[in-house]
Amino acid sequence: MLLIIRERASEEVLSSVAEDLKGYIKVVVDVRHKILSAGGKMHVDGERILLEDGSKQLDVWGGGLDLETGEVDFDSVINLRPGQNNVSREVLDPGIRKQMEAIIRALLR
């Protein structure tokens, strides 16, 4: 299941978005609006629903959350953006990483 999360997710919602990957949640975070898409099997799908919802490409970044360990990662093909000085699947900017992690933890933990 793929959803846009705008406020702290309930345990029921967490379970739903974690079903696709058995406890790991793919997330795409809009760092400007402090919302995220959660769930699904591909970051591009989460990116698409955020863009359709009004997010701007410059503000959305992909990562994930392992519900078992609580570990947040910042790895996604959608993060390959040479025009934004991100030449890796990893989010390289420490400021963006910090924003992403804060939003992920606020909405999904």
C-alpha atoms as a PDB file:
ATOM      1  CA  MET A   1       0.000   0.000   0.000  1.00  0.00           C
ATOM      2  CA  LEU A   2       1.260   3.472  -0.896  1.00  0.00           C
ATOM      3  CA  LEU A   3       0.038   6.531   1.016  1.00  0.00           C
ATOM      4  CA  ILE A   4       0.841  10.187   1.535  1.00  0.00           C
ATOM      5  CA  ILE A   5       1.460  10.758   5.238  1.00  0.00           C
ATOM      6  CA  ARG A   6       0.834  14.268   6.564  1.00  0.00           C
ATOM      7  CA  GLU A   7       0.607  13.551  10.298  1.00  0.00           C
ATOM      8  CA  ARG A   8       1.915  10.864  12.658  1.00  0.00           C
ATOM      9  CA  ALA A   9       0.912   7.474  11.290  1.00  0.00           C
ATOM     10  CA  SER A  10      -1.058   5.040  13.441  1.00  0.00           C
ATOM     11  CA  GLU A  11       0.196   1.487  14.018  1.00  0.00           C
ATOM     12  CA  GLU A  12      -2.443   0.304  11.540  1.00  0.00           C
ATOM     13  CA  VAL A  13      -1.123   2.630   8.826  1.00  0.00           C
ATOM     14  CA  LEU A  14       2.478   1.593   9.580  1.00  0.00           C
ATOM     15  CA  SER A  15       1.522  -2.055   9.201  1.00  0.00           C
ATOM     16  CA  SER A  16      -0.206  -1.333   5.889  1.00  0.00           C
ATOM     17  CA  VAL A  17       2.703   0.549   4.306  1.00  0.00           C
ATOM     18  CA  ALA A  18       5.220  -2.034   5.573  1.00  0.00           C
ATOM     19  CA  GLU A  19       3.400  -4.968   3.930  1.00  0.00           C
ATOM     20  CA  ASP A  20       4.990  -4.590   0.487  1.00  0.00           C
ATOM     21  CA  LEU A  21       8.547  -5.142   1.743  1.00  0.00           C
ATOM     22  CA  LYS A  22       7.971  -7.084   4.972  1.00  0.00           C
ATOM     23  CA  GLY A  23       8.851  -4.468   7.603  1.00  0.00           C
ATOM     24  CA  TYR A  24      10.897  -2.095   5.461  1.00  0.00           C
ATOM     25  CA  ILE A  25       9.146   1.059   4.279  1.00  0.00           C
ATOM     26  CA  LYS A  26      10.234   2.931   1.178  1.00  0.00           C
ATOM     27  CA  VAL A  27       9.701   6.635   1.722  1.00  0.00           C
ATOM     28  CA  VAL A  28       9.880   9.732  -0.422  1.00  0.00           C
ATOM     29  CA  VAL A  29      10.108  12.876   1.673  1.00  0.00           C
ATOM     30  CA  ASP A  30       9.049  16.387   0.674  1.00  0.00           C
ATOM     31  CA  VAL A  31      11.427  18.394   2.848  1.00  0.00           C
ATOM     32  CA  ARG A  32       9.641  21.691   2.169  1.00  0.00           C
ATOM     33  CA  HIS A  33       6.116  20.569   3.101  1.00  0.00           C
ATOM     34  CA  LYS A  34       7.284  18.077   5.768  1.00  0.00           C
ATOM     35  CA  ILE A  35       5.200  15.231   4.352  1.00  0.00           C
ATOM     36  CA  LEU A  36       6.130  11.899   2.834  1.00  0.00           C
ATOM     37  CA  SER A  37       4.869   9.032   0.763  1.00  0.00           C
ATOM     38  CA  ALA A  38       5.281   5.641   2.388  1.00  0.00           C
ATOM     39  CA  GLY A  39       5.006   2.108   1.081  1.00  0.00           C
ATOM     40  CA  GLY A  40       5.079   0.532  -2.320  1.00  0.00           C
ATOM     41  CA  LYS A  41       7.946  -1.260  -3.984  1.00  0.00           C
ATOM     42  CA  MET A  42       9.515   1.592  -5.966  1.00  0.00           C
ATOM     43  CA  HIS A  43      10.485   5.096  -4.892  1.00  0.00           C
ATOM     44  CA  VAL A  44       9.382   6.436  -8.264  1.00  0.00           C
ATOM     45  CA  ASP A  45       5.763   5.604  -7.378  1.00  0.00           C
ATOM     46  CA  GLY A  46       5.988   7.566  -4.131  1.00  0.00           C
ATOM     47  CA  GLU A  47       7.670  10.421  -5.958  1.00  0.00           C
ATOM     48  CA  ARG A  48       4.867  10.428  -8.552  1.00  0.00           C
ATOM     49  CA  ILE A  49       2.044  10.717  -6.010  1.00  0.00           C
ATOM     50  CA  LEU A  50       3.820  13.550  -4.189  1.00  0.00           C
ATOM     51  CA  LEU A  51       4.382  15.445  -7.445  1.00  0.00           C
ATOM     52  CA  GLU A  52       0.731  14.915  -8.405  1.00  0.00           C
ATOM     53  CA  ASP A  53      -0.177  16.273  -4.954  1.00  0.00           C
ATOM     54  CA  GLY A  54       1.748  19.517  -5.601  1.00  0.00           C
ATOM     55  CA  SER A  55       5.260  18.792  -4.339  1.00  0.00           C
ATOM     56  CA  LYS A  56       8.171  20.142  -6.378  1.00  0.00           C
ATOM     57  CA  GLN A  57      10.907  17.855  -7.737  1.00  0.00           C
ATOM     58  CA  LEU A  58      13.645  19.865  -5.995  1.00  0.00           C
ATOM     59  CA  ASP A  59      12.095  19.062  -2.606  1.00  0.00           C
ATOM     60  CA  VAL A  60      11.514  15.289  -2.811  1.00  0.00           C
ATOM     61  CA  TRP A  61      14.133  12.728  -1.797  1.00  0.00           C
ATOM     62  CA  GLY A  62      14.024   8.959  -1.437  1.00  0.00           C
ATOM     63  CA  GLY A  63      15.020   6.729   1.437  1.00  0.00           C
ATOM     64  CA  GLY A  64      13.620   4.134   3.755  1.00  0.00           C
ATOM     65  CA  LEU A  65      12.880   2.997   7.280  1.00  0.00           C
ATOM     66  CA  ASP A  66      13.511  -0.463   8.718  1.00  0.00           C
ATOM     67  CA  LEU A  67      10.785  -0.918  11.337  1.00  0.00           C
ATOM     68  CA  GLU A  68      12.673  -3.683  13.138  1.00  0.00           C
ATOM     69  CA  THR A  69      15.935  -1.793  13.677  1.00  0.00           C
ATOM     70  CA  GLY A  70      14.650   1.777  13.400  1.00  0.00           C
ATOM     71  CA  GLU A  71      17.402   2.514  10.885  1.00  0.00           C
ATOM     72  CA  VAL A  72      16.763   5.265   8.336  1.00  0.00           C
ATOM     73  CA  ASP A  73      18.557   5.168   4.987  1.00  0.00           C
ATOM     74  CA  PHE A  74      18.892   7.754   2.239  1.00  0.00           C
ATOM     75  CA  ASP A  75      19.340   5.538  -0.826  1.00  0.00           C
ATOM     76  CA  SER A  76      17.232   5.711  -3.977  1.00  0.00           C
ATOM     77  CA  VAL A  77      17.672   6.041  -7.720  1.00  0.00           C
ATOM     78  CA  ILE A  78      15.437   9.134  -7.595  1.00  0.00           C
ATOM     79  CA  ASN A  79      18.231  10.881  -5.671  1.00  0.00           C
ATOM     80  CA  LEU A  80      20.546  10.864  -8.712  1.00  0.00           C
ATOM     81  CA  ARG A  81      20.485  14.587  -9.514  1.00  0.00           C
ATOM     82  CA  PRO A  82      23.657  16.030 -10.965  1.00  0.00           C
ATOM     83  CA  GLY A  83      21.855  19.353 -11.439  1.00  0.00           C
ATOM     84  CA  GLN A  84      21.402  19.540  -7.658  1.00  0.00           C
ATOM     85  CA  ASN A  85      24.973  18.367  -6.968  1.00  0.00           C
ATOM     86  CA  ASN A  86      23.773  14.910  -5.896  1.00  0.00           C
ATOM     87  CA  VAL A  87      25.693  12.501  -8.108  1.00  0.00           C
ATOM     88  CA  SER A  88      24.874   9.435  -6.022  1.00  0.00           C
ATOM     89  CA  ARG A  89      21.882   7.295  -5.097  1.00  0.00           C
ATOM     90  CA  GLU A  90      22.634   8.421  -1.529  1.00  0.00           C
ATOM     91  CA  VAL A  91      21.489  11.862  -0.419  1.00  0.00           C
ATOM     92  CA  LEU A  92      24.858  13.605  -0.032  1.00  0.00           C
ATOM     93  CA  ASP A  93      23.806  16.890   1.593  1.00  0.00           C
ATOM     94  CA  PRO A  94      23.945  16.485   5.401  1.00  0.00           C
ATOM     95  CA  GLY A  95      21.284  19.192   5.824  1.00  0.00           C
ATOM     96  CA  ILE A  96      18.790  17.383   3.587  1.00  0.00           C
ATOM     97  CA  ARG A  97      19.567  14.074   5.338  1.00  0.00           C
ATOM     98  CA  LYS A  98      18.893  15.687   8.715  1.00  0.00           C
ATOM     99  CA  GLN A  99      15.575  17.120   7.484  1.00  0.00           C
ATOM    100  CA  MET A 100      14.545  13.790   5.977  1.00  0.00           C
ATOM    101  CA  GLU A 101      15.327  11.842   9.126  1.00  0.00           C
ATOM    102  CA  ALA A 102      13.448  14.300  11.337  1.00  0.00           C
ATOM    103  CA  ILE A 103      10.353  14.092   9.097  1.00  0.00           C
ATOM    104  CA  ILE A 104      10.513  10.288   8.830  1.00  0.00           C
ATOM    105  CA  ARG A 105      10.847   9.887  12.602  1.00  0.00           C
ATOM    106  CA  ALA A 106       8.091  12.418  13.325  1.00  0.00           C
ATOM    107  CA  LEU A 107       5.591  10.834  10.946  1.00  0.00           C
ATOM    108  CA  LEU A 108       6.456   7.128  11.109  1.00  0.00           C
ATOM    109  CA  ARG A 109       7.814   6.468  14.616  1.00  0.00           C
END
